[in-house]
């Protein structure tokens, strides 16, 4: 996205003055490309094989479980990915992931294979098939790409848990002269899709004259719906930022979408370290797309056209960022639907020691996912299964 926008800006700047009066259709952000390489997770590339066609469709739902220690540091992580295939034919799938171990998940109709940095599938689908992989991942390479950071500390009778949205990126964005009625229509369309939790449709905006790069990069954050519970050995006496319910403190809020990116819970009492459970879901942009005055349409807005264009671009980039975190492990179908929930919970003390995120031990590479059909690749599929278990 950065390269595309920069190229558009440079091309516009180099155009003859007479050409700048012409109108042009400029593609708005969404549904892709994503602003950063990961997620989905990317590790090493698979062996070079035959060119494969995409005739089987796939949707993916995932549950990522992050085990954290008493300080909130990541010590263990698992990912359960369900790939729902529709279509008939042979398939070869490589899902990049820093995998330590993988086994079939509940209801899987096939067994996954494993190589360094890869989860492998090969077989035949007849109309519908479920491929479920329950993978134990290496914490170091995964930690930088989780959507939430936790930090916990106890000072005497006070326990503090800080939760921070970790999805923020800066992004090149364009500016130009656009029609206010068209911008209003595009904002209303974007709002409808966001509230319906639909993936954005590709749309264009008409720009008259120069298209240029904004002087400053846009600050983009995926909105996160965060809810959870702290369960203490004894009933706390008070909780700022949460609600005391017996021995538990419960909380729920959104990080992002014109709300704070960091929240802190301060609990008094409790008699020791709590067991932590936090659920995180990438969610819609609501406040950022709410029309002024709380109306049903942006038609009543008095904002100038340049401010509306900025709002349109920024909120669509936030929705793209949210969509990015819906696919933590790669879906073999680039157009397939994805959904991912993240669970952070206290890990057993006997599990692995805390890790740092500075060294992954994996070579960098391009995310490659292959989904194939056709009788001509049956022999290749058999070969991949043998290779996967070699």
Protein backbone atom coordinates (compact mmCIF):
# COMPACT_ATOMS: atom_id res chain seq x y z
CA UNK A 1 0.00 0.00 0.00
CA UNK A 2 2.82 2.41 0.84
CA UNK A 3 4.45 1.88 -2.56
CA UNK A 4 1.19 2.22 -4.45
CA UNK A 5 0.25 5.49 -2.75
CA UNK A 6 3.74 6.93 -3.09
CA UNK A 7 3.78 6.03 -6.77
CA UNK A 8 0.39 7.68 -7.28
CA UNK A 9 1.58 10.84 -5.57
CA UNK A 10 4.78 11.00 -7.62
CA UNK A 11 2.93 10.37 -10.86
CA UNK A 12 0.47 13.14 -10.09
CA UNK A 13 3.25 15.55 -9.15
CA UNK A 14 5.06 14.88 -12.42
CA UNK A 15 1.98 15.34 -14.59
CA UNK A 16 1.75 18.39 -16.88
CA UNK A 17 -0.18 21.31 -15.46
CA UNK A 18 -2.91 20.95 -18.07
CA UNK A 19 -3.51 17.36 -17.08
CA UNK A 20 -4.03 18.24 -13.44
CA UNK A 21 -7.47 19.65 -14.23
CA UNK A 22 -8.68 16.19 -15.30
CA UNK A 23 -10.55 13.92 -12.93
CA UNK A 24 -9.31 10.48 -12.03
CA UNK A 25 -10.61 7.46 -10.17
CA UNK A 26 -8.49 6.63 -7.14
CA UNK A 27 -8.87 3.31 -5.32
CA UNK A 28 -9.73 3.67 -1.64
CA UNK A 29 -8.24 1.38 1.03
CA UNK A 30 -9.96 -1.98 1.41
CA UNK A 31 -10.26 -4.86 1.55
CA UNK A 32 -6.51 -5.28 0.91
CA UNK A 33 -3.55 -4.82 0.72
CA UNK A 34 -2.72 -5.06 4.39
CA UNK A 35 -0.45 -2.30 5.75
CA UNK A 36 2.18 -4.66 7.19
CA UNK A 37 3.44 -8.14 6.22
CA UNK A 38 2.01 -9.90 9.30
CA UNK A 39 -0.46 -11.11 10.30
CA UNK A 40 -1.04 -13.56 8.72
CA UNK A 41 2.12 -15.09 10.09
CA UNK A 42 4.88 -15.61 7.54
CA UNK A 43 7.98 -17.78 7.92
CA UNK A 44 9.81 -19.75 5.24
CA UNK A 45 8.76 -20.50 1.69
CA UNK A 46 7.84 -24.05 0.65
CA UNK A 47 9.65 -25.97 -2.09
CA UNK A 48 9.03 -24.76 -5.62
CA UNK A 49 6.33 -26.81 -7.29
CA UNK A 50 3.97 -26.73 -10.25
CA UNK A 51 1.76 -23.73 -10.84
CA UNK A 52 -1.49 -24.42 -9.02
CA UNK A 53 -4.98 -23.07 -9.66
CA UNK A 54 -7.44 -21.86 -7.03
CA UNK A 55 -10.76 -23.63 -7.55
CA UNK A 56 -11.56 -24.74 -4.03
CA UNK A 57 -12.81 -21.99 -1.75
CA UNK A 58 -11.96 -21.79 1.92
CA UNK A 59 -13.12 -19.90 4.99
CA UNK A 60 -11.12 -19.87 8.19
CA UNK A 61 -12.00 -19.52 11.85
CA UNK A 62 -9.30 -19.50 14.48
CA UNK A 63 -8.78 -19.36 18.21
CA UNK A 64 -5.37 -18.17 19.39
CA UNK A 65 -4.61 -18.94 23.04
CA UNK A 66 -1.73 -17.04 24.64
CA UNK A 67 -0.41 -18.26 27.99
CA UNK A 68 1.04 -15.46 30.10
CA UNK A 69 3.00 -15.42 33.36
CA UNK A 70 2.28 -13.36 36.49
CA UNK A 71 3.85 -10.27 34.87
CA UNK A 72 1.76 -10.63 31.69
CA UNK A 73 4.63 -11.87 29.52
CA UNK A 74 3.97 -14.46 26.82
CA UNK A 75 5.25 -17.93 27.70
CA UNK A 76 3.15 -20.25 25.54
CA UNK A 77 0.90 -19.97 22.50
CA UNK A 78 -1.41 -22.28 20.58
CA UNK A 79 -3.51 -21.69 17.49
CA UNK A 80 -6.53 -23.77 16.52
CA UNK A 81 -7.37 -23.16 12.85
CA UNK A 82 -10.43 -24.59 11.13
CA UNK A 83 -10.31 -24.44 7.33
CA UNK A 84 -13.73 -25.06 5.77
CA UNK A 85 -13.20 -26.15 2.16
CA UNK A 86 -15.95 -26.04 -0.46
CA UNK A 87 -15.47 -27.54 -3.91
CA UNK A 88 -14.31 -30.83 -5.35
CA UNK A 89 -10.76 -31.81 -6.22
CA UNK A 90 -7.26 -32.31 -4.93
CA UNK A 91 -5.60 -29.69 -2.74
CA UNK A 92 -2.10 -28.81 -1.58
CA UNK A 93 -1.95 -26.27 1.24
CA UNK A 94 1.03 -24.76 3.02
CA UNK A 95 0.24 -22.53 6.03
CA UNK A 96 3.31 -20.63 7.29
CA UNK A 97 3.70 -20.67 11.08
CA UNK A 98 6.60 -21.05 13.56
CA UNK A 99 5.17 -24.42 14.58
CA UNK A 100 6.64 -26.64 17.31
CA UNK A 101 4.00 -29.34 17.08
CA UNK A 102 0.69 -29.81 15.26
CA UNK A 103 -2.09 -32.33 15.49
CA UNK A 104 -5.58 -32.67 14.08
CA UNK A 105 -8.16 -30.50 15.82
CA UNK A 106 -11.70 -31.58 16.78
CA UNK A 107 -13.68 -32.89 13.82
CA UNK A 108 -10.84 -32.67 11.32
CA UNK A 109 -11.34 -34.89 8.27
CA UNK A 110 -7.62 -35.14 7.59
CA UNK A 111 -4.30 -35.17 9.44
CA UNK A 112 -1.95 -32.17 9.10
CA UNK A 113 1.72 -32.56 8.25
CA UNK A 114 4.56 -30.47 9.63
CA UNK A 115 7.86 -29.04 8.48
CA UNK A 116 9.96 -26.27 9.96
CA UNK A 117 7.85 -23.12 9.77
CA UNK A 118 4.95 -24.85 7.98
CA UNK A 119 1.65 -26.64 8.54
CA UNK A 120 0.89 -28.87 5.55
CA UNK A 121 -2.27 -30.31 4.10
CA UNK A 122 -2.68 -32.58 1.05
CA UNK A 123 -5.66 -34.62 -0.05
CA UNK A 124 -9.00 -34.63 -1.85
CA UNK A 125 -12.13 -32.61 -1.07
CA UNK A 126 -15.58 -33.75 -2.17
CA UNK A 127 -17.84 -30.68 -2.02
CA UNK A 128 -17.11 -29.94 1.65
CA UNK A 129 -14.27 -30.77 4.01
CA UNK A 130 -13.03 -29.60 7.39
CA UNK A 131 -9.29 -29.30 8.00
CA UNK A 132 -8.60 -28.50 11.65
CA UNK A 133 -5.06 -27.93 12.93
CA UNK A 134 -4.21 -27.54 16.63
CA UNK A 135 -0.72 -26.07 16.59
CA UNK A 136 1.73 -25.27 19.37
CA UNK A 137 3.77 -22.28 18.19
CA UNK A 138 7.10 -20.76 19.15
CA UNK A 139 6.34 -17.71 21.34
CA UNK A 140 9.29 -15.57 20.21
CA UNK A 141 8.35 -15.14 16.53
CA UNK A 142 4.63 -14.81 17.32
CA UNK A 143 4.70 -12.27 20.17
CA UNK A 144 5.25 -9.14 18.03
CA UNK A 145 2.11 -9.87 16.01
CA UNK A 146 -0.41 -10.41 18.81
CA UNK A 147 -3.00 -7.61 19.04
CA UNK A 148 -2.79 -6.98 22.80
CA UNK A 149 0.03 -6.41 25.32
CA UNK A 150 -0.43 -7.18 29.00
CA UNK A 151 1.62 -5.88 31.90
CA UNK A 152 0.86 -6.86 35.49
CA UNK A 153 2.40 -5.83 38.81
CA UNK A 154 1.65 -6.01 42.52
CA UNK A 155 2.67 -3.33 45.00
CA UNK A 156 1.65 -4.26 48.52
CA UNK A 157 -2.13 -4.57 48.62
CA UNK A 158 -2.59 -3.14 45.11
CA UNK A 159 -2.59 -5.17 41.90
CA UNK A 160 -2.37 -3.41 38.52
CA UNK A 161 -3.07 -4.86 35.07
CA UNK A 162 -2.35 -2.71 32.00
CA UNK A 163 -3.86 -3.69 28.65
CA UNK A 164 -2.56 -1.98 25.50
CA UNK A 165 -3.67 -2.17 21.88
CA UNK A 166 -0.57 -3.30 19.94
CA UNK A 167 -1.92 -2.96 16.39
CA UNK A 168 -0.88 0.64 15.70
CA UNK A 169 0.99 1.41 12.46
CA UNK A 170 1.68 4.55 10.47
CA UNK A 171 0.57 4.56 6.87
CA UNK A 172 1.06 6.71 3.78
CA UNK A 173 -2.23 8.32 2.71
CA UNK A 174 -3.26 10.50 -0.21
CA UNK A 175 -5.15 13.78 -0.47
CA UNK A 176 -6.93 15.65 -3.24
CA UNK A 177 -10.09 17.48 -4.27
CA UNK A 178 -13.23 15.35 -4.16
CA UNK A 179 -16.96 15.97 -4.40
CA UNK A 180 -18.72 16.27 -1.05
CA UNK A 181 -21.88 14.37 -2.19
CA UNK A 182 -19.74 11.45 -3.38
CA UNK A 183 -17.75 11.44 -0.13
CA UNK A 184 -20.96 11.44 1.91
CA UNK A 185 -22.24 8.45 -0.06
CA UNK A 186 -18.96 6.56 0.39
CA UNK A 187 -18.89 7.30 4.13
CA UNK A 188 -22.46 6.02 4.52
CA UNK A 189 -21.60 2.87 2.55
CA UNK A 190 -18.46 2.27 4.62
CA UNK A 191 -20.44 2.78 7.84
CA UNK A 192 -23.11 0.26 6.78
CA UNK A 193 -20.49 -2.38 5.99
CA UNK A 194 -18.64 -1.73 9.24
CA UNK A 195 -21.75 -1.99 11.43
CA UNK A 196 -22.72 -5.21 9.60
CA UNK A 197 -19.19 -6.58 10.20
CA UNK A 198 -18.81 -7.07 6.46
CA UNK A 199 -15.54 -7.01 4.59
CA UNK A 200 -15.11 -3.74 2.68
CA UNK A 201 -16.00 -3.67 -1.00
CA UNK A 202 -13.41 -2.23 -3.41
CA UNK A 203 -14.51 1.32 -4.31
CA UNK A 204 -13.04 4.36 -6.02
CA UNK A 205 -13.28 8.06 -5.27
CA UNK A 206 -13.21 10.73 -7.98
CA UNK A 207 -10.35 13.22 -7.53
CA UNK A 208 -10.16 16.41 -9.57
CA UNK A 209 -6.63 17.42 -10.47
CA UNK A 210 -3.63 16.62 -8.31
CA UNK A 211 -3.43 13.54 -6.14
CA UNK A 212 -0.66 13.99 -3.60
CA UNK A 213 0.73 12.35 -0.50
CA UNK A 214 -0.29 13.80 2.85
CA UNK A 215 2.49 15.69 4.65
CA UNK A 216 2.16 13.33 7.62
CA UNK A 217 1.45 9.61 7.70
CA UNK A 218 -1.89 8.40 9.03
CA UNK A 219 -1.90 6.70 12.43
CA UNK A 220 -3.88 3.48 12.02
CA UNK A 221 -5.15 1.18 14.79
CA UNK A 222 -7.45 -1.84 14.63
CA UNK A 223 -10.31 -1.45 17.14
CA UNK A 224 -10.25 -4.28 19.69
CA UNK A 225 -13.16 -5.49 21.80
CA UNK A 226 -11.59 -6.57 25.09
CA UNK A 227 -13.40 -8.40 27.89
CA UNK A 228 -12.09 -10.48 30.74
CA UNK A 229 -11.90 -11.54 34.33
CA UNK A 230 -9.34 -11.48 37.12
CA UNK A 231 -10.02 -14.18 39.72
CA UNK A 232 -8.31 -13.59 43.06
CA UNK A 233 -7.72 -15.95 46.01
CA UNK A 234 -9.89 -13.63 48.13
CA UNK A 235 -12.56 -11.07 47.37
CA UNK A 236 -11.04 -7.68 46.43
CA UNK A 237 -12.20 -4.58 48.28
CA UNK A 238 -12.27 -2.30 45.21
CA UNK A 239 -11.44 -2.20 41.50
CA UNK A 240 -10.88 0.90 39.40
CA UNK A 241 -11.68 0.11 35.77
CA UNK A 242 -13.62 -3.07 36.55
CA UNK A 243 -16.52 -4.46 38.55
CA UNK A 244 -15.99 -6.61 41.65
CA UNK A 245 -18.08 -9.79 41.59
CA UNK A 246 -17.19 -11.95 44.58
CA UNK A 247 -13.57 -13.00 44.13
CA UNK A 248 -13.58 -11.81 40.51
CA UNK A 249 -13.10 -8.48 38.79
CA UNK A 250 -14.82 -8.29 35.40
CA UNK A 251 -14.21 -5.74 32.66
CA UNK A 252 -15.15 -4.95 29.07
CA UNK A 253 -14.20 -2.08 26.76
CA UNK A 254 -12.97 -1.15 23.28
CA UNK A 255 -9.36 -0.13 22.71
CA UNK A 256 -9.25 2.16 19.68
CA UNK A 257 -12.02 3.65 17.52
CA UNK A 258 -11.50 7.14 19.04
CA UNK A 259 -11.15 5.63 22.52
CA UNK A 260 -7.97 5.13 24.60
CA UNK A 261 -5.49 2.55 23.32
CA UNK A 262 -4.46 1.62 26.87
CA UNK A 263 -6.57 0.79 29.93
CA UNK A 264 -5.39 0.09 33.44
CA UNK A 265 -7.17 -1.90 36.12
CA UNK A 266 -6.21 -1.16 39.72
CA UNK A 267 -7.46 -3.67 42.26
CA UNK A 268 -7.13 -3.35 46.00
CA UNK A 269 -7.04 -6.51 48.09
CA UNK A 270 -7.56 -9.94 46.63
CA UNK A 271 -4.94 -11.70 48.75
CA UNK A 272 -2.39 -12.52 46.04
CA UNK A 273 -1.91 -12.97 42.31
CA UNK A 274 -5.08 -13.51 40.27
CA UNK A 275 -5.74 -15.91 37.45
CA UNK A 276 -6.11 -13.83 34.30
CA UNK A 277 -8.41 -14.48 31.38
CA UNK A 278 -8.83 -11.88 28.63
CA UNK A 279 -10.69 -12.34 25.34
CA UNK A 280 -9.87 -10.06 22.41
CA UNK A 281 -11.74 -9.70 19.12
CA UNK A 282 -10.89 -7.35 16.24
CA UNK A 283 -14.06 -5.32 15.80
CA UNK A 284 -15.82 -2.66 13.73
CA UNK A 285 -15.21 1.06 13.51
CA UNK A 286 -18.26 2.64 15.17
CA UNK A 287 -17.35 6.02 16.65
CA UNK A 288 -15.08 7.00 13.79
CA UNK A 289 -17.94 6.55 11.30
CA UNK A 290 -20.73 8.01 13.42
CA UNK A 291 -22.24 11.03 11.61
CA UNK A 292 -22.11 14.36 13.46
CA UNK A 293 -25.14 14.85 15.67
CA UNK A 294 -25.82 11.11 15.84
CA UNK A 295 -27.84 11.06 12.62
CA UNK A 296 -28.27 8.16 10.21
CA UNK A 297 -26.25 9.73 7.38
CA UNK A 298 -23.23 11.92 6.77
CA UNK A 299 -25.44 14.21 4.64
CA UNK A 300 -25.96 16.48 7.64
CA UNK A 301 -22.20 16.94 8.19
CA UNK A 302 -20.83 20.47 7.86
CA UNK A 303 -17.25 19.25 7.52
CA UNK A 304 -15.46 20.40 4.36
CA UNK A 305 -14.74 17.90 1.62
CA UNK A 306 -11.04 17.53 2.49
CA UNK A 307 -11.92 16.58 6.09
CA UNK A 308 -14.48 14.05 4.84
CA UNK A 309 -11.91 12.50 2.50
CA UNK A 310 -9.44 12.22 5.36
CA UNK A 311 -12.11 10.57 7.57
CA UNK A 312 -13.07 8.19 4.78
CA UNK A 313 -9.49 7.08 4.10
CA UNK A 314 -8.50 6.74 7.76
CA UNK A 315 -11.54 4.74 8.86
CA UNK A 316 -11.26 2.41 5.89
CA UNK A 317 -7.61 1.80 6.74
CA UNK A 318 -8.66 1.00 10.33
CA UNK A 319 -11.17 -1.53 9.00
CA UNK A 320 -8.47 -3.07 6.80
CA UNK A 321 -6.22 -3.32 9.86
CA UNK A 322 -9.03 -4.97 11.85
CA UNK A 323 -9.63 -7.41 8.99
CA UNK A 324 -5.92 -8.22 8.98
CA UNK A 325 -6.12 -9.50 12.56
CA UNK A 326 -9.10 -11.69 11.67
CA UNK A 327 -6.65 -14.02 9.89
CA UNK A 328 -3.78 -14.77 12.26
CA UNK A 329 -2.80 -17.92 10.39
CA UNK A 330 -3.08 -17.69 6.63
CA UNK A 331 -6.22 -18.67 4.78
CA UNK A 332 -5.35 -20.45 1.50
CA UNK A 333 -8.18 -18.55 -0.18
CA UNK A 334 -7.16 -14.88 -0.40
CA UNK A 335 -10.82 -13.91 -0.88
CA UNK A 336 -12.14 -16.24 1.81
CA UNK A 337 -13.76 -15.03 5.01
CA UNK A 338 -11.74 -15.10 8.24
CA UNK A 339 -12.49 -14.75 11.91
CA UNK A 340 -10.07 -15.00 14.83
CA UNK A 341 -10.52 -14.66 18.57
CA UNK A 342 -7.58 -14.25 20.93
CA UNK A 343 -7.53 -15.53 24.51
CA UNK A 344 -4.89 -14.52 27.05
CA UNK A 345 -4.83 -16.63 30.19
CA UNK A 346 -2.52 -17.38 33.08
CA UNK A 347 -0.09 -20.16 32.17
CA UNK A 348 1.10 -22.79 34.59
CA UNK A 349 4.34 -21.91 36.36
CA UNK A 350 5.94 -25.14 35.17
CA UNK A 351 5.65 -24.10 31.55
CA UNK A 352 8.35 -22.46 29.49
CA UNK A 353 10.16 -19.39 30.78
CA UNK A 354 9.24 -15.94 29.38
CA UNK A 355 10.64 -15.17 25.96
CA UNK A 356 11.85 -12.06 24.21
CA UNK A 357 10.75 -11.09 20.73
CA UNK A 358 14.11 -10.01 19.35
CA UNK A 359 15.21 -13.35 17.93
CA UNK A 360 12.83 -15.63 16.11
CA UNK A 361 15.16 -18.33 14.84
CA UNK A 362 13.16 -18.37 11.59
CA UNK A 363 14.36 -17.07 8.27
CA UNK A 364 12.19 -14.35 6.80
CA UNK A 365 10.30 -15.05 3.64
CA UNK A 366 7.19 -14.54 1.63
CA UNK A 367 3.91 -15.93 2.92
CA UNK A 368 2.97 -18.69 0.52
CA UNK A 369 -0.26 -20.62 0.60
CA UNK A 370 -1.14 -23.08 -2.13
CA UNK A 371 -4.60 -24.43 -2.82
CA UNK A 372 -4.97 -26.69 -5.86
CA UNK A 373 -7.37 -28.79 -7.87
CA UNK A 374 -7.03 -31.25 -10.73
CA UNK A 375 -6.21 -34.88 -11.36
CA UNK A 376 -2.81 -33.91 -12.72
CA UNK A 377 -1.53 -33.08 -9.23
CA UNK A 378 -2.52 -36.30 -7.44
CA UNK A 379 1.03 -37.62 -7.65
CA UNK A 380 2.35 -34.32 -6.29
CA UNK A 381 -0.12 -34.53 -3.41
CA UNK A 382 1.11 -38.00 -2.47
CA UNK A 383 4.67 -36.74 -2.62
CA UNK A 384 3.87 -33.78 -0.34
CA UNK A 385 2.33 -36.04 2.29
CA UNK A 386 5.47 -38.16 2.35
CA UNK A 387 7.62 -35.01 2.45
CA UNK A 388 5.51 -33.55 5.27
CA UNK A 389 6.26 -36.49 7.50
CA UNK A 390 9.91 -36.86 6.50
